[in-house]
Amino acid sequence: MGKIRTRFAPSPTGYMHIGNLRTALYAYLIAKKDDGDFILRIEDTDQGRLVEGAVDIIYNTLKQCGLQHDEGPDVGGNYGPYVQSERMKAGIYHDYAHQLVEMGKAHYCFCKEEDIEAQRKAQGDSFYFVDPCKLLSKQEIDQKIANGEPYVIRLNVESEGTTSFTDEVYGTITVENKTLDEMVLLKSDGFPTYNFANVIDDHLMDITDVVRGNEYLSSTPKYNLIYEAFGWDIPRYIHCPPVMKDEHQKLSKRNGDASFQDLLAKGYLPEAVLNYIALLGWAPSEDREIYSLVELSKAFDVKRIGTTGAIFDIDKLTWMNGVYIRNMKMEDYYELVKPYIEETVGKDFNYKLIGNAIHDRINTLSEIKDMITFFNKADEYENDLFFNKKAKTDPQLAKTILQEVEAALKGCEIWDNENIFNCLSSRAQELGYKNITMMYPMQVALSGRSVAPGGATAIAEILGKEESLTRIANALSKM
């Protein structure tokens, strides 16, 4: 067997959908598992759907995810050009389509849309286009072309018999030829259809493994008729189940579902998103969920791709993203969260200390701002906030506690988390209180919250002695 070559062939029509990104990931993993090549090809033959800037989104997404392509429009290669509109200008699709006509495997169709619509109305739900142009003589065809009549080129499909193919996920699939429409290969504007262009390009680029969504299962027999007409080797097919929003709906940007770019904007890490979507439809052989890209490349096995749709669970992704944040090297973590902290709190604060305080609590970067705004100013609160079953406090006891806290903190000479804790812990022991009974009222006074990152002593260290005592005094004045 030769070198494995896979391709990711997106259309530049907007943001990167999660399903498309998973297709790119699976194609990458299949190639890299066996030291193969991963190719990027831009399929822009549907000119009406092109979106400005979408090609850059494709490049940036692959780069952010670490899915480095070995060949493509931006890096070159021996099989270029890697943009279909450029390949069309070179006459590639035109030549192969007309070659099929000469071989008797395709035909010219001069039908207008109203001719097709008339058949559709006559046949109803069981519509199957029967092309009258197949009955035209060569002389009639030549005359129509000479007259400048627009035409498309359609594939010839024999209505008798069946066509079978094997898919690595869904097994052997057999369809009756009479269910296969004679699809358009070359449109009247000279552009190839998606279905025709990707077959020609996959062959010319020596693609060995085709990875795509299972919505293309029904079209695959027609693709194979083209391969067989030319006598070309048919690639290995890996059709993936859809990514679902719920049990009934596919995940779709059209329905307002998040794209990869949306997820990044919401504070998710590219590595976490990639890890999560790898598990949407694929089950590893090990009992684990956290994988680096290199580890996925070694573990991935197409035989473990399922046949049913996988539901995109944002809560599961959020959990996984939190794991990635907490597993980062602290230096990298600080660089990641620093811009969010700078954006939210004043310059007088120690950003590293704030980073430490939130490290074990954040699951997405977008949570940081709301989590730390109280450093600028304590939240407004009612004294009922001092009720806490675990700390066994109420507003009356909290007032007594805060007076003790204030006295203890005034006598604390070295102002860091450890010494602040020791000062309060000693005073709690003297008074016969548990530490939490001292710490909870202090946390409320400093932050205005029942739950705050780092806890009372970490917050006090960050605020500084003067500000901490000022906030405690303010809390006491309200009680």
Protein backbone atom coordinates (compact mmCIF):
# COMPACT_ATOMS: atom_id res chain seq x y z
CA MET A 1 0.00 0.00 0.00
CA GLY A 2 1.25 3.48 -0.91
CA LYS A 3 1.43 6.54 1.27
CA ILE A 4 -1.81 7.61 2.93
CA ARG A 5 -3.08 10.92 1.57
CA THR A 6 -6.17 12.61 3.00
CA ARG A 7 -7.67 15.98 2.24
CA PHE A 8 -9.80 18.61 3.88
CA ALA A 9 -11.76 20.38 1.15
CA PRO A 10 -13.93 23.13 2.65
CA SER A 11 -15.96 25.71 0.76
CA PRO A 12 -15.13 29.29 1.82
CA THR A 13 -18.68 30.18 2.79
CA GLY A 14 -18.24 31.63 6.30
CA TYR A 15 -17.22 30.52 9.75
CA MET A 16 -15.83 27.09 10.52
CA HIS A 17 -18.69 24.84 11.59
CA ILE A 18 -17.98 22.26 14.27
CA GLY A 19 -18.86 19.40 11.92
CA ASN A 20 -16.43 20.70 9.29
CA LEU A 21 -13.67 21.06 11.85
CA ARG A 22 -14.23 17.49 13.02
CA THR A 23 -13.94 16.31 9.41
CA ALA A 24 -10.62 18.14 9.12
CA LEU A 25 -9.45 16.61 12.40
CA TYR A 26 -10.35 13.04 11.42
CA ALA A 27 -8.68 13.45 8.01
CA TYR A 28 -5.57 14.79 9.74
CA LEU A 29 -5.50 11.94 12.29
CA ILE A 30 -5.93 9.25 9.65
CA ALA A 31 -3.00 10.66 7.68
CA LYS A 32 -0.68 11.25 10.62
CA LYS A 33 -1.32 7.88 12.26
CA ASP A 34 0.56 6.30 9.33
CA ASP A 35 2.95 9.17 8.54
CA GLY A 36 0.82 10.22 5.58
CA ASP A 37 0.05 13.57 4.00
CA PHE A 38 -2.79 15.91 4.93
CA ILE A 39 -3.86 18.21 2.10
CA LEU A 40 -5.93 21.39 2.14
CA ARG A 41 -7.98 22.09 -0.98
CA ILE A 42 -10.33 25.05 -1.33
CA GLU A 43 -13.55 24.11 -3.16
CA ASP A 44 -14.93 27.41 -4.43
CA THR A 45 -16.87 26.29 -7.49
CA ASP A 46 -20.18 27.49 -6.01
CA GLN A 47 -19.40 31.15 -6.65
CA GLY A 48 -22.75 32.38 -5.34
CA ARG A 49 -22.05 31.21 -1.79
CA LEU A 50 -18.52 32.57 -1.39
CA VAL A 51 -17.90 34.85 1.60
CA GLU A 52 -15.09 37.39 1.65
CA GLY A 53 -12.44 36.53 4.23
CA ALA A 54 -13.63 32.93 4.60
CA VAL A 55 -10.41 31.48 3.18
CA ASP A 56 -8.43 33.29 5.88
CA ILE A 57 -10.79 31.83 8.48
CA ILE A 58 -9.96 28.35 7.17
CA TYR A 59 -6.20 29.02 7.36
CA ASN A 60 -6.43 30.57 10.83
CA THR A 61 -8.61 27.79 12.22
CA LEU A 62 -6.27 25.03 11.07
CA LYS A 63 -3.30 26.96 12.47
CA GLN A 64 -4.98 27.61 15.83
CA CYS A 65 -5.82 23.90 16.13
CA GLY A 66 -2.37 22.68 15.12
CA LEU A 67 -3.74 20.87 12.04
CA GLN A 68 -0.79 21.69 9.82
CA HIS A 69 -1.40 20.72 6.21
CA ASP A 70 1.45 19.32 4.13
CA GLU A 71 0.11 20.76 0.88
CA GLY A 72 -2.31 23.55 0.08
CA PRO A 73 -2.83 26.92 -1.58
CA ASP A 74 -0.65 28.73 0.95
CA VAL A 75 2.16 26.16 1.26
CA GLY A 76 2.26 24.71 -2.24
CA GLY A 77 2.93 21.13 -3.24
CA ASN A 78 3.31 18.87 -6.27
CA TYR A 79 -0.42 18.53 -6.99
CA GLY A 80 -1.48 22.16 -7.36
CA PRO A 81 -3.22 24.37 -7.90
CA TYR A 82 -5.14 23.67 -4.69
CA VAL A 83 -8.04 26.05 -5.38
CA GLN A 84 -10.78 24.65 -7.60
CA SER A 85 -11.52 27.90 -9.43
CA GLU A 86 -7.85 28.02 -10.47
CA ARG A 87 -8.04 24.40 -11.60
CA MET A 88 -11.14 25.24 -13.60
CA LYS A 89 -9.29 28.03 -15.42
CA ALA A 90 -6.69 25.45 -16.40
CA GLY A 91 -9.49 23.50 -18.12
CA ILE A 92 -9.14 20.39 -15.98
CA TYR A 93 -12.85 19.75 -15.35
CA HIS A 94 -13.92 20.79 -18.86
CA ASP A 95 -11.52 18.30 -20.41
CA TYR A 96 -12.52 15.37 -18.19
CA ALA A 97 -16.25 16.04 -18.59
CA HIS A 98 -15.97 16.09 -22.39
CA GLN A 99 -13.81 13.00 -22.26
CA LEU A 100 -16.67 11.19 -20.49
CA VAL A 101 -19.04 12.30 -23.27
CA GLU A 102 -16.67 10.90 -25.90
CA MET A 103 -16.51 7.63 -23.94
CA GLY A 104 -20.30 7.39 -23.88
CA LYS A 105 -20.36 7.75 -20.08
CA ALA A 106 -21.96 11.22 -20.04
CA HIS A 107 -24.13 13.33 -22.34
CA TYR A 108 -25.01 16.90 -23.26
CA CYS A 109 -28.28 18.20 -21.84
CA PHE A 110 -29.91 21.29 -23.36
CA CYS A 111 -33.05 21.18 -21.21
CA LYS A 112 -34.23 24.42 -19.67
CA GLU A 113 -35.31 24.66 -16.05
CA GLU A 114 -38.97 24.81 -17.10
CA ASP A 115 -38.58 21.45 -18.90
CA ILE A 116 -37.27 19.87 -15.70
CA GLU A 117 -39.97 21.56 -13.60
CA ALA A 118 -42.68 20.21 -15.90
CA GLN A 119 -41.46 16.66 -15.27
CA ARG A 120 -41.26 17.35 -11.55
CA LYS A 121 -44.90 18.46 -11.43
CA ALA A 122 -46.03 15.52 -13.51
CA GLN A 123 -44.23 12.92 -11.40
CA GLY A 124 -44.81 14.40 -7.94
CA ASP A 125 -42.90 12.99 -4.95
CA SER A 126 -41.44 10.15 -7.03
CA PHE A 127 -39.67 12.61 -9.35
CA TYR A 128 -36.84 11.17 -11.40
CA PHE A 129 -35.61 13.28 -14.28
CA VAL A 130 -35.67 11.43 -17.60
CA ASP A 131 -33.46 13.43 -19.93
CA PRO A 132 -34.86 13.61 -23.49
CA CYS A 133 -31.49 14.94 -24.66
CA LYS A 134 -30.06 11.42 -24.41
CA LEU A 135 -32.09 10.64 -27.55
CA LEU A 136 -30.53 13.43 -29.59
CA SER A 137 -28.37 12.42 -32.54
CA LYS A 138 -24.79 13.61 -32.85
CA GLN A 139 -25.84 15.90 -35.68
CA GLU A 140 -28.57 17.50 -33.52
CA ILE A 141 -26.13 17.96 -30.66
CA ASP A 142 -23.48 19.50 -32.90
CA GLN A 143 -26.06 21.88 -34.37
CA LYS A 144 -27.30 23.02 -30.95
CA ILE A 145 -23.74 23.67 -29.80
CA ALA A 146 -22.99 25.51 -33.05
CA ASN A 147 -26.10 27.65 -32.45
CA GLY A 148 -24.72 28.62 -29.04
CA GLU A 149 -27.43 26.88 -27.03
CA PRO A 150 -26.41 26.56 -23.37
CA TYR A 151 -25.92 23.03 -22.07
CA VAL A 152 -24.81 21.04 -19.09
CA ILE A 153 -23.05 17.69 -19.11
CA ARG A 154 -24.81 14.92 -17.20
CA LEU A 155 -23.53 11.52 -16.08
CA ASN A 156 -25.05 8.50 -17.79
CA VAL A 157 -26.59 6.05 -15.31
CA GLU A 158 -27.98 2.71 -16.45
CA SER A 159 -31.30 2.14 -14.71
CA GLU A 160 -30.83 -1.62 -14.51
CA GLY A 161 -28.89 -3.40 -11.77
CA THR A 162 -27.29 -2.18 -8.56
CA THR A 163 -24.18 -0.34 -7.43
CA SER A 164 -22.30 -1.26 -4.25
CA PHE A 165 -19.47 0.27 -2.26
CA THR A 166 -17.82 -0.33 1.08
CA ASP A 167 -17.52 2.33 3.75
CA GLU A 168 -15.19 1.94 6.74
CA VAL A 169 -17.93 3.09 9.12
CA TYR A 170 -21.21 1.91 7.58
CA GLY A 171 -20.00 -1.27 5.86
CA THR A 172 -21.19 -2.40 2.45
CA ILE A 173 -23.97 -0.31 0.95
CA THR A 174 -25.91 -1.34 -2.14
CA VAL A 175 -28.35 0.85 -4.04
CA GLU A 176 -30.56 0.22 -7.06
CA ASN A 177 -29.33 2.14 -10.08
CA LYS A 178 -32.85 3.33 -10.87
CA THR A 179 -32.67 5.48 -7.71
CA LEU A 180 -29.56 7.32 -8.94
CA ASP A 181 -30.18 10.54 -10.82
CA GLU A 182 -28.03 11.47 -13.78
CA MET A 183 -26.23 14.25 -11.96
CA VAL A 184 -24.81 17.34 -13.62
CA LEU A 185 -21.02 17.21 -14.00
CA LEU A 186 -20.39 20.50 -15.78
CA LYS A 187 -22.75 23.46 -15.43
CA SER A 188 -23.75 25.78 -18.26
CA ASP A 189 -21.37 28.48 -16.96
CA GLY A 190 -18.43 26.10 -17.35
CA PHE A 191 -18.02 25.50 -13.64
CA PRO A 192 -17.99 21.90 -12.44
CA THR A 193 -20.44 20.74 -9.80
CA TYR A 194 -19.04 19.95 -6.37
CA ASN A 195 -19.74 16.25 -6.93
CA PHE A 196 -17.74 16.06 -10.16
CA ALA A 197 -14.85 18.34 -9.18
CA ASN A 198 -14.01 16.53 -5.97
CA VAL A 199 -13.84 13.16 -7.75
CA ILE A 200 -11.48 14.54 -10.40
CA ASP A 201 -9.35 16.34 -7.83
CA ASP A 202 -9.21 13.41 -5.41
CA HIS A 203 -7.91 11.20 -8.22
CA LEU A 204 -5.40 13.71 -9.58
CA MET A 205 -4.12 14.45 -6.07
CA ASP A 206 -3.72 10.73 -5.26
CA ILE A 207 -6.13 10.94 -2.32
CA THR A 208 -6.30 7.47 -0.75
CA ASP A 209 -8.83 8.12 2.04
CA VAL A 210 -11.90 10.34 1.70
CA VAL A 211 -13.34 11.60 4.99
CA ARG A 212 -16.71 13.37 4.90
CA GLY A 213 -20.13 13.54 6.52
CA ASN A 214 -22.65 10.75 6.10
CA GLU A 215 -24.92 13.08 4.10
CA TYR A 216 -22.71 12.12 1.14
CA LEU A 217 -23.43 8.40 1.44
CA SER A 218 -26.27 8.64 -1.07
CA SER A 219 -24.04 10.38 -3.62
CA THR A 220 -21.11 7.99 -3.33
CA PRO A 221 -22.44 5.39 -5.82
CA LYS A 222 -22.53 8.15 -8.46
CA TYR A 223 -18.97 9.15 -7.58
CA ASN A 224 -17.91 5.56 -8.06
CA LEU A 225 -19.52 5.45 -11.51
CA ILE A 226 -17.14 8.25 -12.50
CA TYR A 227 -14.13 6.41 -11.05
CA GLU A 228 -15.16 3.25 -12.87
CA ALA A 229 -15.79 5.07 -16.15
CA PHE A 230 -12.18 6.26 -16.17
CA GLY A 231 -10.82 2.99 -14.77
CA TRP A 232 -9.45 4.75 -11.69
CA ASP A 233 -8.85 3.25 -8.25
CA ILE A 234 -11.63 4.06 -5.80
CA PRO A 235 -10.43 5.60 -2.51
CA ARG A 236 -11.24 4.27 0.93
CA TYR A 237 -14.38 5.97 2.26
CA ILE A 238 -14.88 7.11 5.86
CA HIS A 239 -18.33 8.67 6.27
CA CYS A 240 -18.85 10.25 9.69
CA PRO A 241 -22.11 10.53 11.63
CA PRO A 242 -23.52 14.03 12.11
CA VAL A 243 -22.85 16.27 15.09
CA MET A 244 -26.24 16.84 16.67
CA LYS A 245 -27.76 19.73 18.61
CA ASP A 246 -30.17 17.30 20.21
CA GLU A 247 -31.73 13.96 19.35
CA HIS A 248 -33.55 15.39 16.33
CA GLN A 249 -31.60 18.39 15.01
CA LYS A 250 -28.15 18.63 13.50
CA LEU A 251 -25.79 21.24 14.85
CA SER A 252 -26.04 24.12 12.40
CA LYS A 253 -24.73 27.67 12.26
CA ARG A 254 -27.93 28.50 10.37
CA ASN A 255 -29.87 27.64 13.53
CA GLY A 256 -27.66 29.85 15.66
CA ASP A 257 -25.39 27.07 16.95
CA ALA A 258 -21.83 27.96 17.84
CA SER A 259 -19.06 27.87 15.26
CA PHE A 260 -15.42 27.33 16.20
CA GLN A 261 -14.89 31.10 16.17
CA ASP A 262 -17.90 31.60 18.45
CA LEU A 263 -16.47 29.13 20.95
CA LEU A 264 -13.11 30.91 21.01
CA ALA A 265 -14.91 34.20 21.60
CA LYS A 266 -16.70 32.60 24.55
CA GLY A 267 -13.40 31.67 26.16
CA TYR A 268 -12.80 28.10 25.03
CA LEU A 269 -9.29 26.94 24.12
CA PRO A 270 -8.64 25.54 20.62
CA GLU A 271 -6.95 22.46 22.12
CA ALA A 272 -9.96 21.70 24.31
CA VAL A 273 -12.43 22.17 21.46
CA LEU A 274 -10.36 19.86 19.26
CA ASN A 275 -10.09 17.21 21.97
CA TYR A 276 -13.83 17.37 22.61
CA ILE A 277 -14.96 17.13 19.00
CA ALA A 278 -12.63 14.15 18.45
CA LEU A 279 -14.90 12.28 20.87
CA LEU A 280 -18.08 13.27 19.02
CA GLY A 281 -18.65 10.04 17.15
CA TRP A 282 -15.36 8.31 17.96
CA ALA A 283 -14.77 6.11 21.01
CA PRO A 284 -11.16 5.57 22.14
CA SER A 285 -10.13 2.09 23.19
CA GLU A 286 -8.80 3.44 26.50
CA ASP A 287 -10.92 4.67 29.39
CA ARG A 288 -9.82 8.31 29.11
CA GLU A 289 -11.02 11.55 27.60
CA ILE A 290 -8.11 14.01 27.66
CA TYR A 291 -5.82 13.68 24.62
CA SER A 292 -3.21 15.89 23.05
CA LEU A 293 -3.21 16.08 19.25
CA VAL A 294 -0.16 13.81 19.12
CA GLU A 295 -1.87 11.29 21.39
CA LEU A 296 -4.99 11.39 19.23
CA SER A 297 -2.87 10.69 16.15
CA LYS A 298 -1.58 7.51 17.75
CA ALA A 299 -4.89 6.37 19.24
CA PHE A 300 -7.28 7.13 16.39
CA ASP A 301 -8.92 4.15 14.69
CA VAL A 302 -11.64 4.57 12.06
CA LYS A 303 -13.17 1.26 13.14
CA ARG A 304 -14.20 2.97 16.37
CA ILE A 305 -16.23 5.69 14.65
CA GLY A 306 -19.92 5.19 15.41
CA THR A 307 -22.83 5.27 13.01
CA THR A 308 -25.24 7.37 15.06
CA GLY A 309 -25.18 11.12 15.56
CA ALA A 310 -23.27 12.49 18.55
CA ILE A 311 -24.91 15.26 20.58
CA PHE A 312 -22.80 18.35 21.19
CA ASP A 313 -22.85 18.88 24.96
CA ILE A 314 -21.67 22.38 25.86
CA ASP A 315 -21.47 21.46 29.54
CA LYS A 316 -19.08 18.62 28.76
CA LEU A 317 -16.95 20.92 26.64
CA THR A 318 -16.93 23.50 29.45
CA TRP A 319 -15.71 20.87 31.91
CA MET A 320 -13.00 19.73 29.50
CA ASN A 321 -11.92 23.31 28.88
CA GLY A 322 -11.50 23.78 32.63
CA VAL A 323 -9.29 20.69 32.76
CA TYR A 324 -7.11 22.13 30.02
CA ILE A 325 -6.78 25.44 31.85
CA ARG A 326 -5.77 23.75 35.08
CA ASN A 327 -3.30 21.45 33.32
CA MET A 328 -1.41 24.32 31.69
CA LYS A 329 2.07 25.30 32.80
CA MET A 330 1.63 28.24 35.15
CA GLU A 331 3.75 30.54 32.97
CA ASP A 332 1.51 29.82 29.98
CA TYR A 333 -1.58 30.13 32.13
CA TYR A 334 -0.56 33.60 33.36
CA GLU A 335 0.03 34.80 29.80
CA LEU A 336 -3.40 33.47 28.83
CA VAL A 337 -5.40 35.13 31.62
CA LYS A 338 -3.38 38.32 31.99
CA PRO A 339 -5.22 40.30 29.27
CA TYR A 340 -8.59 39.45 30.84
CA ILE A 341 -7.38 40.56 34.28
CA GLU A 342 -5.83 43.76 32.91
CA GLU A 343 -9.09 44.57 31.18
CA THR A 344 -11.07 44.21 34.39
CA VAL A 345 -9.08 45.46 37.41
CA GLY A 346 -6.80 48.38 38.14
CA LYS A 347 -3.05 48.43 37.58
CA ASP A 348 -2.24 48.50 41.31
CA PHE A 349 -3.17 44.83 41.77
CA ASN A 350 -0.82 41.88 41.55
CA TYR A 351 -2.13 40.06 38.47
CA LYS A 352 -0.33 36.84 39.29
CA LEU A 353 -2.02 36.65 42.67
CA ILE A 354 -5.40 37.18 41.02
CA GLY A 355 -4.48 34.51 38.47
CA ASN A 356 -3.68 32.12 41.30
CA ALA A 357 -6.96 32.88 43.04
CA ILE A 358 -9.10 32.04 40.00
CA HIS A 359 -6.99 29.18 38.65
CA ASP A 360 -9.02 26.35 40.15
CA ARG A 361 -12.37 28.01 39.52
CA ILE A 362 -12.53 29.11 35.89
CA ASN A 363 -13.71 26.81 33.13
CA THR A 364 -13.79 29.38 30.33
CA LEU A 365 -11.82 32.60 29.90
CA SER A 366 -15.03 34.58 29.52
CA GLU A 367 -15.86 33.85 33.17
CA ILE A 368 -12.87 35.83 34.44
CA LYS A 369 -14.34 39.32 34.25
CA ASP A 370 -17.42 38.66 36.39
CA MET A 371 -15.34 36.60 38.77
CA ILE A 372 -12.94 39.42 39.68
CA THR A 373 -14.84 42.73 39.32
CA PHE A 374 -15.21 42.94 43.12
CA PHE A 375 -11.49 43.73 43.42
CA ASN A 376 -12.28 47.19 42.05
CA LYS A 377 -15.19 47.62 44.41
CA ALA A 378 -17.00 45.19 46.70
CA ASP A 379 -20.44 44.15 45.44
CA GLU A 380 -23.46 45.70 47.11
CA TYR A 381 -25.11 43.21 49.46
CA GLU A 382 -27.72 42.84 52.20
CA ASN A 383 -26.73 41.72 55.68
CA ASP A 384 -28.72 38.54 55.13
CA LEU A 385 -25.68 37.38 53.13
CA PHE A 386 -23.96 36.71 56.45
CA PHE A 387 -26.30 33.77 57.08
CA ASN A 388 -24.30 30.62 56.34
CA LYS A 389 -25.14 27.14 57.62
CA LYS A 390 -21.69 25.67 57.08
CA ALA A 391 -19.95 28.55 58.86
CA LYS A 392 -22.78 28.70 61.41
CA THR A 393 -22.95 32.47 61.09
CA ASP A 394 -25.71 35.05 61.08
CA PRO A 395 -25.57 38.88 60.87
CA GLN A 396 -25.34 39.30 64.64
CA LEU A 397 -22.46 36.84 65.06
CA ALA A 398 -20.83 38.17 61.89
CA LYS A 399 -20.59 41.62 63.45
CA THR A 400 -18.75 40.20 66.46
CA ILE A 401 -16.51 38.15 64.19
CA LEU A 402 -15.64 41.09 61.96
CA GLN A 403 -14.63 43.14 64.98
CA GLU A 404 -12.24 40.34 65.95
CA VAL A 405 -11.00 40.04 62.37
CA GLU A 406 -10.35 43.77 62.22
CA ALA A 407 -8.32 43.67 65.42
CA ALA A 408 -6.35 40.61 64.28
CA LEU A 409 -5.55 42.09 60.88
CA LYS A 410 -4.37 45.38 62.36
CA GLY A 411 -1.78 43.42 64.28
CA CYS A 412 -0.68 41.36 61.23
CA GLU A 413 2.74 42.76 60.30
CA ILE A 414 3.68 40.60 57.28
CA TRP A 415 0.90 40.94 54.74
CA ASP A 416 0.72 37.75 52.70
CA ASN A 417 -1.76 34.91 52.48
CA GLU A 418 0.06 32.62 54.88
CA ASN A 419 0.56 35.20 57.62
CA ILE A 420 -2.95 36.59 57.28
CA PHE A 421 -4.32 33.08 57.65
CA ASN A 422 -2.14 32.39 60.70
CA CYS A 423 -3.23 35.65 62.39
CA LEU A 424 -6.90 34.81 61.92
CA SER A 425 -6.50 31.13 62.74
CA SER A 426 -4.79 31.98 66.03
CA ARG A 427 -7.52 34.42 66.99
CA ALA A 428 -10.21 31.85 66.06
CA GLN A 429 -8.55 29.25 68.25
CA GLU A 430 -8.39 31.72 71.17
CA LEU A 431 -12.11 32.48 70.80
CA GLY A 432 -13.15 28.86 70.26
CA TYR A 433 -14.33 29.34 66.67
CA LYS A 434 -13.66 27.18 63.64
CA ASN A 435 -11.61 28.87 60.94
CA ILE A 436 -14.57 29.02 58.56
CA THR A 437 -16.55 30.97 61.15
CA MET A 438 -13.88 33.69 61.05
CA MET A 439 -13.24 33.53 57.31
CA TYR A 440 -16.77 33.61 55.90
CA PRO A 441 -17.87 37.03 57.30
CA MET A 442 -14.48 38.43 56.28
CA GLN A 443 -14.96 37.16 52.71
CA VAL A 444 -18.40 38.77 52.49
CA ALA A 445 -17.03 42.06 53.80
CA LEU A 446 -14.14 42.09 51.34
CA SER A 447 -16.00 40.93 48.24
CA GLY A 448 -19.73 41.34 48.83
CA ARG A 449 -20.11 37.70 47.77
CA SER A 450 -20.89 34.39 49.44
CA VAL A 451 -18.54 32.67 46.99
CA ALA A 452 -15.36 34.36 45.79
CA PRO A 453 -12.12 33.10 44.20
CA GLY A 454 -9.25 32.35 46.52
CA GLY A 455 -11.16 32.82 49.77
CA ALA A 456 -10.90 35.53 52.41
CA THR A 457 -7.16 35.53 53.08
CA ALA A 458 -6.13 35.37 49.40
CA ILE A 459 -8.48 38.27 48.67
CA ALA A 460 -7.05 40.26 51.58
CA GLU A 461 -3.50 39.76 50.30
CA ILE A 462 -4.50 41.02 46.85
CA LEU A 463 -6.43 44.02 48.17
CA GLY A 464 -3.65 45.02 50.55
CA LYS A 465 -3.88 45.81 54.25
CA GLU A 466 -5.28 49.32 53.98
CA GLU A 467 -8.06 48.45 51.54
CA SER A 468 -8.96 45.27 53.42
CA LEU A 469 -9.36 47.13 56.71
CA THR A 470 -11.36 49.87 54.97
CA ARG A 471 -13.82 47.31 53.53
CA ILE A 472 -14.21 45.58 56.89
CA ALA A 473 -14.87 48.92 58.58
CA ASN A 474 -17.47 49.72 55.91
CA ALA A 475 -19.14 46.38 56.49
CA LEU A 476 -19.29 47.00 60.25
CA SER A 477 -20.76 50.45 59.73
CA LYS A 478 -23.72 48.88 57.89
CA MET A 479 -24.48 46.33 60.61
